[in-house]
Amino acid sequence: MAEYAKRLWLEEDLGDDYRWSYRVSAVLFSGRSEYQEVDLVDTPTWGKVLLLDGKMQSTEADEQVYHELLVHPPLLHHPNPKRVYIMGGGEGATAREVLRHRSVEEVVMVDIDKVVTDFCAEHLHRNTAAFKDPRLKLINDDARAQLEAAADASFDVIISDLADPLDGGPCYQLYTQEFYSKVVARKLAPGGIFIAQSGPAGFLSCREVFSAIHSTLRSVFPSVVPYAQHIPSFCDAWGYNLVFTDPQQVPLDAEALDARIEERISNLPLHFLDGQTLVGLRQLNKVVRKALAEETEIYTADNARFIHGAGVKAAAAN
């Protein structure tokens, strides 16, 4: 078995014409839910790696970079975030970072796959405490349905930690103009802030989905602030869109961000993020800036862009 483990490599398609692979030391878990295949492997390079349908979702080596950049910018920009809604986020790391904010009183996290949330609560030890935190309300259901059903509820921050838009997958409909205008905007409290992970944002990949998501958000909200950071395990720069519902709100400078980090967040220091870092990440390169400025396409249910890969329905049709 030891000799076999040394020769076990996991290969993943990144595009039509290229792929990458990494060595696997041990398969810690392999199973299937109603919605997807779930695997946890140990690797020399990335540590523990969570895979869904064979696609790398999170690694011990760099997940904190992705999750700190998703969670802390919207919460730090809000004057007093108390109620937070997370769409997706099944591994628990997004909730973990939200719960570091002392002002937060309630976190509603909705992920459709109970197998994933149960598995991650048990096996991803960094996130175990988050799943047990009494401020967290975990619901295994459709994120849109639950947000719409929250008739009397409004949220200070809504976080979209959804899977990327895939052809045949259900998540792309949660990137549409209709969803943003009729659901997200209505469920944000006055002055509320929305954040969306927005797919690959490198100078070769930014027009896949990042620019169209940005364009769609700009068609609904008064202010959208894009930023991006290279994520090694994603093999690309990754994009985020920070959305302000208050047209008077502007991004904080580095000094103000650092002051709020010290004032608001427990268990410091942060692994990756500080004020200077976030200010720097907002300075997108020339190619990406041009792509965002020129983009006119709007996501709708009938008109969407997709990243490489296919959801269950599209894969079954092939």
Protein backbone atom coordinates (compact mmCIF):
# COMPACT_ATOMS: atom_id res chain seq x y z
CA MET A 1 0.00 0.00 0.00
CA ALA A 2 2.83 2.41 0.80
CA GLU A 3 4.38 1.90 -2.64
CA TYR A 4 1.00 2.39 -4.28
CA ALA A 5 0.41 5.64 -2.36
CA LYS A 6 3.68 7.02 -3.64
CA ARG A 7 2.42 6.50 -7.19
CA LEU A 8 -1.15 7.78 -6.72
CA TRP A 9 -1.76 11.03 -8.59
CA LEU A 10 -5.01 12.96 -8.91
CA GLU A 11 -5.62 14.59 -12.30
CA GLU A 12 -8.06 17.43 -12.91
CA ASP A 13 -9.15 19.07 -16.16
CA LEU A 14 -8.74 22.84 -16.11
CA GLY A 15 -9.72 23.47 -19.71
CA ASP A 16 -10.44 21.75 -22.98
CA ASP A 17 -6.75 21.41 -23.74
CA TYR A 18 -4.92 21.33 -20.43
CA ARG A 19 -5.00 19.68 -17.01
CA TRP A 20 -2.93 19.43 -13.86
CA SER A 21 -2.13 16.71 -11.38
CA TYR A 22 -0.83 16.39 -7.83
CA ARG A 23 0.34 13.46 -5.73
CA VAL A 24 -2.02 11.95 -3.17
CA SER A 25 -0.55 10.49 0.01
CA ALA A 26 -3.79 8.97 1.27
CA VAL A 27 -7.50 8.84 0.49
CA LEU A 28 -9.16 9.79 3.78
CA PHE A 29 -12.76 9.58 2.60
CA SER A 30 -14.63 8.83 -0.61
CA GLY A 31 -18.40 8.84 -0.88
CA ARG A 32 -21.39 10.19 -2.74
CA SER A 33 -24.39 12.25 -1.74
CA GLU A 34 -27.63 12.83 -3.60
CA TYR A 35 -25.98 15.78 -5.32
CA GLN A 36 -22.28 15.07 -5.80
CA GLU A 37 -19.23 12.95 -5.11
CA VAL A 38 -17.34 13.91 -1.95
CA ASP A 39 -13.67 13.10 -1.39
CA LEU A 40 -11.06 14.09 1.15
CA VAL A 41 -7.44 13.30 0.34
CA ASP A 42 -4.12 14.07 1.96
CA THR A 43 -1.37 15.50 -0.24
CA PRO A 44 2.29 16.50 0.28
CA THR A 45 1.79 19.89 -1.39
CA TRP A 46 -1.63 21.06 -0.24
CA GLY A 47 -2.28 19.12 2.95
CA LYS A 48 -5.87 17.92 3.19
CA VAL A 49 -7.86 18.59 0.02
CA LEU A 50 -11.65 18.60 -0.24
CA LEU A 51 -13.00 17.62 -3.66
CA LEU A 52 -16.57 17.74 -4.96
CA ASP A 53 -17.25 15.85 -8.17
CA GLY A 54 -13.51 15.51 -8.60
CA LYS A 55 -12.92 19.28 -8.50
CA MET A 56 -10.63 20.80 -5.88
CA GLN A 57 -12.70 23.00 -3.57
CA SER A 58 -10.43 23.78 -0.66
CA THR A 59 -6.97 22.97 0.65
CA GLU A 60 -5.31 23.35 4.02
CA ALA A 61 -2.47 25.26 2.36
CA ASP A 62 -4.42 28.24 1.02
CA GLU A 63 -8.13 28.10 1.92
CA GLN A 64 -7.65 30.90 4.45
CA VAL A 65 -6.66 33.27 1.66
CA TYR A 66 -9.87 32.64 -0.27
CA HIS A 67 -12.14 32.77 2.80
CA GLU A 68 -10.58 35.84 4.45
CA LEU A 69 -10.97 37.76 1.19
CA LEU A 70 -14.58 36.62 0.84
CA VAL A 71 -15.72 37.37 4.38
CA HIS A 72 -13.80 40.20 5.98
CA PRO A 73 -14.08 42.98 3.34
CA PRO A 74 -17.90 43.13 3.48
CA LEU A 75 -18.08 42.80 7.26
CA LEU A 76 -15.33 45.36 7.83
CA HIS A 77 -17.04 47.87 5.53
CA HIS A 78 -20.40 47.50 7.28
CA PRO A 79 -20.76 49.85 10.27
CA ASN A 80 -22.14 47.15 12.60
CA PRO A 81 -22.82 43.73 11.05
CA LYS A 82 -25.11 41.63 13.22
CA ARG A 83 -27.02 39.32 10.89
CA VAL A 84 -25.25 37.49 8.06
CA TYR A 85 -26.61 35.12 5.41
CA ILE A 86 -24.27 32.64 3.67
CA MET A 87 -25.30 30.99 0.41
CA GLY A 88 -23.34 27.76 0.10
CA GLY A 89 -20.20 27.52 2.20
CA GLY A 90 -20.72 23.88 3.10
CA GLU A 91 -17.20 23.27 4.35
CA GLY A 92 -17.76 25.73 7.20
CA ALA A 93 -14.76 27.99 6.60
CA THR A 94 -16.87 30.98 5.52
CA ALA A 95 -18.94 30.69 8.70
CA ARG A 96 -15.73 30.31 10.71
CA GLU A 97 -14.43 33.65 9.46
CA VAL A 98 -17.79 35.42 9.91
CA LEU A 99 -18.00 34.23 13.51
CA ARG A 100 -14.67 35.88 14.30
CA HIS A 101 -16.50 39.23 14.19
CA ARG A 102 -17.58 40.19 17.69
CA SER A 103 -20.62 42.15 16.51
CA VAL A 104 -22.20 39.17 14.74
CA GLU A 105 -25.24 37.82 16.55
CA GLU A 106 -26.65 35.39 13.97
CA VAL A 107 -25.31 33.58 10.93
CA VAL A 108 -27.73 31.75 8.64
CA MET A 109 -25.83 29.35 6.41
CA VAL A 110 -27.77 27.49 3.72
CA ASP A 111 -26.07 24.69 1.83
CA ILE A 112 -28.07 22.11 -0.08
CA ASP A 113 -25.90 19.09 0.70
CA LYS A 114 -26.18 17.67 4.22
CA VAL A 115 -23.60 14.98 3.45
CA VAL A 116 -21.02 17.70 2.79
CA THR A 117 -21.83 19.79 5.86
CA ASP A 118 -21.91 16.75 8.17
CA PHE A 119 -18.67 15.44 6.71
CA CYS A 120 -16.85 18.78 6.97
CA ALA A 121 -18.07 19.38 10.51
CA GLU A 122 -16.46 16.10 11.53
CA HIS A 123 -13.31 15.96 9.44
CA LEU A 124 -12.20 19.56 8.75
CA HIS A 125 -10.92 20.36 12.22
CA ARG A 126 -10.33 24.06 11.56
CA ASN A 127 -14.07 24.45 11.13
CA THR A 128 -15.42 22.20 13.88
CA ALA A 129 -15.94 25.05 16.35
CA ALA A 130 -17.88 27.09 13.80
CA PHE A 131 -20.40 24.29 13.29
CA LYS A 132 -20.92 24.15 17.08
CA ASP A 133 -21.21 27.91 17.60
CA PRO A 134 -24.73 28.77 18.89
CA ARG A 135 -24.84 31.83 16.63
CA LEU A 136 -24.80 29.60 13.54
CA LYS A 137 -28.08 28.39 12.09
CA LEU A 138 -27.31 25.72 9.49
CA ILE A 139 -30.02 24.82 6.99
CA ASN A 140 -29.63 22.11 4.36
CA ASP A 141 -31.80 23.38 1.55
CA ASP A 142 -31.81 25.53 -1.56
CA ALA A 143 -30.15 28.88 -0.75
CA ARG A 144 -32.49 30.93 -2.91
CA ALA A 145 -35.64 29.29 -1.57
CA GLN A 146 -34.59 29.92 2.02
CA LEU A 147 -33.63 33.53 1.35
CA GLU A 148 -36.97 34.20 -0.36
CA ALA A 149 -38.85 32.44 2.45
CA ALA A 150 -37.29 34.67 5.11
CA ALA A 151 -40.30 36.98 4.85
CA ASP A 152 -39.65 39.13 7.90
CA ALA A 153 -35.87 38.88 7.89
CA SER A 154 -33.25 41.22 6.54
CA PHE A 155 -29.50 40.83 6.67
CA ASP A 156 -26.64 43.25 7.12
CA VAL A 157 -24.36 41.16 4.92
CA ILE A 158 -25.16 38.46 2.36
CA ILE A 159 -22.28 36.28 1.19
CA SER A 160 -22.41 34.27 -2.02
CA ASP A 161 -20.02 31.34 -1.57
CA LEU A 162 -21.69 29.32 -4.29
CA ALA A 163 -20.18 26.92 -6.78
CA ASP A 164 -19.05 28.49 -10.04
CA PRO A 165 -21.59 28.86 -12.87
CA LEU A 166 -21.51 25.57 -14.78
CA ASP A 167 -23.46 24.61 -17.88
CA GLY A 168 -26.25 22.35 -16.63
CA GLY A 169 -25.64 23.21 -12.99
CA PRO A 170 -28.19 24.98 -10.78
CA CYS A 171 -25.92 27.69 -9.36
CA TYR A 172 -25.66 29.88 -12.44
CA GLN A 173 -29.24 31.08 -11.83
CA LEU A 174 -28.01 32.63 -8.58
CA TYR A 175 -25.72 34.89 -10.60
CA THR A 176 -28.54 36.48 -12.62
CA GLN A 177 -29.87 40.01 -12.70
CA GLU A 178 -33.29 38.73 -11.66
CA PHE A 179 -31.92 37.03 -8.54
CA TYR A 180 -29.84 40.02 -7.52
CA SER A 181 -32.67 42.53 -7.99
CA LYS A 182 -35.68 40.54 -6.76
CA VAL A 183 -34.11 38.53 -3.96
CA VAL A 184 -30.71 39.77 -2.76
CA ALA A 185 -31.48 43.51 -2.91
CA ARG A 186 -34.78 43.01 -1.09
CA LYS A 187 -33.24 40.93 1.69
CA LEU A 188 -30.45 43.37 2.52
CA ALA A 189 -31.13 45.74 5.39
CA PRO A 190 -30.60 49.48 4.74
CA GLY A 191 -26.91 49.99 4.11
CA GLY A 192 -26.46 46.26 3.63
CA ILE A 193 -23.50 44.79 1.76
CA PHE A 194 -23.34 41.84 -0.64
CA ILE A 195 -20.24 39.90 -1.70
CA ALA A 196 -19.96 37.33 -4.47
CA GLN A 197 -17.09 35.04 -5.29
CA SER A 198 -16.91 35.64 -9.01
CA GLY A 199 -14.71 33.03 -10.62
CA PRO A 200 -11.39 33.23 -12.46
CA ALA A 201 -10.06 36.77 -12.80
CA GLY A 202 -6.66 36.40 -14.44
CA PHE A 203 -5.76 38.42 -17.50
CA LEU A 204 -6.44 35.36 -19.69
CA SER A 205 -9.57 34.21 -17.87
CA CYS A 206 -11.37 37.34 -16.65
CA ARG A 207 -13.86 37.36 -19.53
CA GLU A 208 -15.08 33.82 -18.80
CA VAL A 209 -17.49 34.86 -16.04
CA PHE A 210 -15.87 37.55 -13.85
CA SER A 211 -16.59 40.48 -16.16
CA ALA A 212 -20.20 39.38 -16.80
CA ILE A 213 -20.92 38.90 -13.08
CA HIS A 214 -19.49 42.37 -12.44
CA SER A 215 -21.59 43.86 -15.24
CA THR A 216 -24.73 42.17 -13.91
CA LEU A 217 -24.17 43.46 -10.39
CA ARG A 218 -23.56 47.00 -11.69
CA SER A 219 -26.93 46.85 -13.46
CA VAL A 220 -28.65 46.35 -10.09
CA PHE A 221 -26.60 48.09 -7.40
CA PRO A 222 -25.18 51.63 -7.17
CA SER A 223 -21.60 50.64 -6.33
CA VAL A 224 -19.60 47.50 -7.12
CA VAL A 225 -15.95 47.15 -6.11
CA PRO A 226 -14.02 44.33 -7.82
CA TYR A 227 -10.79 42.82 -6.53
CA ALA A 228 -8.76 39.70 -7.19
CA GLN A 229 -6.00 37.55 -5.72
CA HIS A 230 -4.01 34.61 -7.03
CA ILE A 231 -5.07 31.38 -5.31
CA PRO A 232 -2.38 28.74 -5.93
CA SER A 233 -4.69 25.72 -5.66
CA PHE A 234 -7.14 27.34 -8.11
CA CYS A 235 -4.33 27.82 -10.66
CA ASP A 236 -5.46 31.38 -11.35
CA ALA A 237 -6.30 34.74 -9.90
CA TRP A 238 -9.74 34.66 -8.29
CA GLY A 239 -12.27 37.46 -8.48
CA TYR A 240 -14.63 38.98 -5.94
CA ASN A 241 -17.29 41.67 -6.30
CA LEU A 242 -18.05 43.77 -3.21
CA VAL A 243 -21.44 45.47 -3.48
CA PHE A 244 -22.63 48.55 -1.58
CA THR A 245 -26.34 49.37 -1.45
CA ASP A 246 -25.62 52.83 -0.05
CA PRO A 247 -24.49 54.99 -3.00
CA GLN A 248 -22.55 57.23 -0.63
CA GLN A 249 -20.36 54.42 0.68
CA VAL A 250 -16.80 54.18 -0.60
CA PRO A 251 -14.04 51.64 0.05
CA LEU A 252 -12.08 52.21 3.24
CA ASP A 253 -8.39 53.09 3.13
CA ALA A 254 -5.71 50.84 4.60
CA GLU A 255 -5.51 52.65 7.93
CA ALA A 256 -9.26 52.48 8.53
CA LEU A 257 -9.36 48.79 7.60
CA ASP A 258 -6.53 47.96 9.99
CA ALA A 259 -8.28 49.85 12.79
CA ARG A 260 -11.48 47.89 12.26
CA ILE A 261 -9.60 44.59 12.12
CA GLU A 262 -8.08 45.30 15.53
CA GLU A 263 -11.36 46.54 16.98
CA ARG A 264 -13.76 43.93 15.64
CA ILE A 265 -12.09 40.57 14.96
CA SER A 266 -11.17 37.95 17.54
CA ASN A 267 -8.33 35.43 17.32
CA LEU A 268 -5.95 37.79 15.56
CA PRO A 269 -3.84 37.99 13.53
CA LEU A 270 -5.54 37.23 10.25
CA HIS A 271 -3.58 34.79 8.13
CA PHE A 272 -3.42 36.85 4.91
CA LEU A 273 -5.52 40.01 4.95
CA ASP A 274 -4.72 43.48 6.23
CA GLY A 275 -5.63 46.96 5.07
CA GLN A 276 -2.70 47.43 2.72
CA THR A 277 -3.33 44.04 1.13
CA LEU A 278 -6.98 44.77 0.32
CA VAL A 279 -6.22 48.23 -1.02
CA GLY A 280 -3.60 46.65 -3.26
CA LEU A 281 -5.92 43.92 -4.52
CA ARG A 282 -8.38 46.56 -5.70
CA GLN A 283 -5.72 47.77 -8.14
CA LEU A 284 -6.53 45.38 -10.98
CA ASN A 285 -4.20 45.02 -13.91
CA LYS A 286 -4.74 46.84 -17.20
CA VAL A 287 -6.21 43.85 -19.06
CA VAL A 288 -8.76 43.04 -16.36
CA ARG A 289 -9.76 46.70 -15.92
CA LYS A 290 -10.37 46.95 -19.66
CA ALA A 291 -12.45 43.75 -19.65
CA LEU A 292 -14.65 45.07 -16.83
CA ALA A 293 -15.05 48.48 -18.46
CA GLU A 294 -16.02 47.02 -21.83
CA GLU A 295 -18.35 44.28 -20.60
CA THR A 296 -22.03 44.76 -21.51
CA GLU A 297 -23.42 41.25 -21.11
CA ILE A 298 -25.91 40.67 -18.30
CA TYR A 299 -26.55 37.28 -16.69
CA THR A 300 -30.13 36.09 -17.11
CA ALA A 301 -31.67 32.63 -16.86
CA ASP A 302 -31.55 32.41 -20.65
CA ASN A 303 -28.23 34.14 -21.21
CA ALA A 304 -25.28 33.04 -19.10
CA ARG A 305 -21.59 32.33 -19.37
CA PHE A 306 -20.00 29.26 -17.85
CA ILE A 307 -16.57 28.21 -16.68
CA HIS A 308 -14.99 24.99 -17.92
CA GLY A 309 -16.83 21.87 -16.81
CA ALA A 310 -20.43 20.73 -16.74
CA GLY A 311 -23.15 20.25 -14.19
CA VAL A 312 -25.05 17.01 -13.77
CA LYS A 313 -27.65 17.73 -16.46
CA ALA A 314 -25.17 18.80 -19.11
CA ALA A 315 -22.85 15.90 -18.36
CA ALA A 316 -25.71 13.42 -18.65
CA ALA A 317 -26.69 14.86 -22.03
CA ASN A 318 -23.24 14.31 -23.50
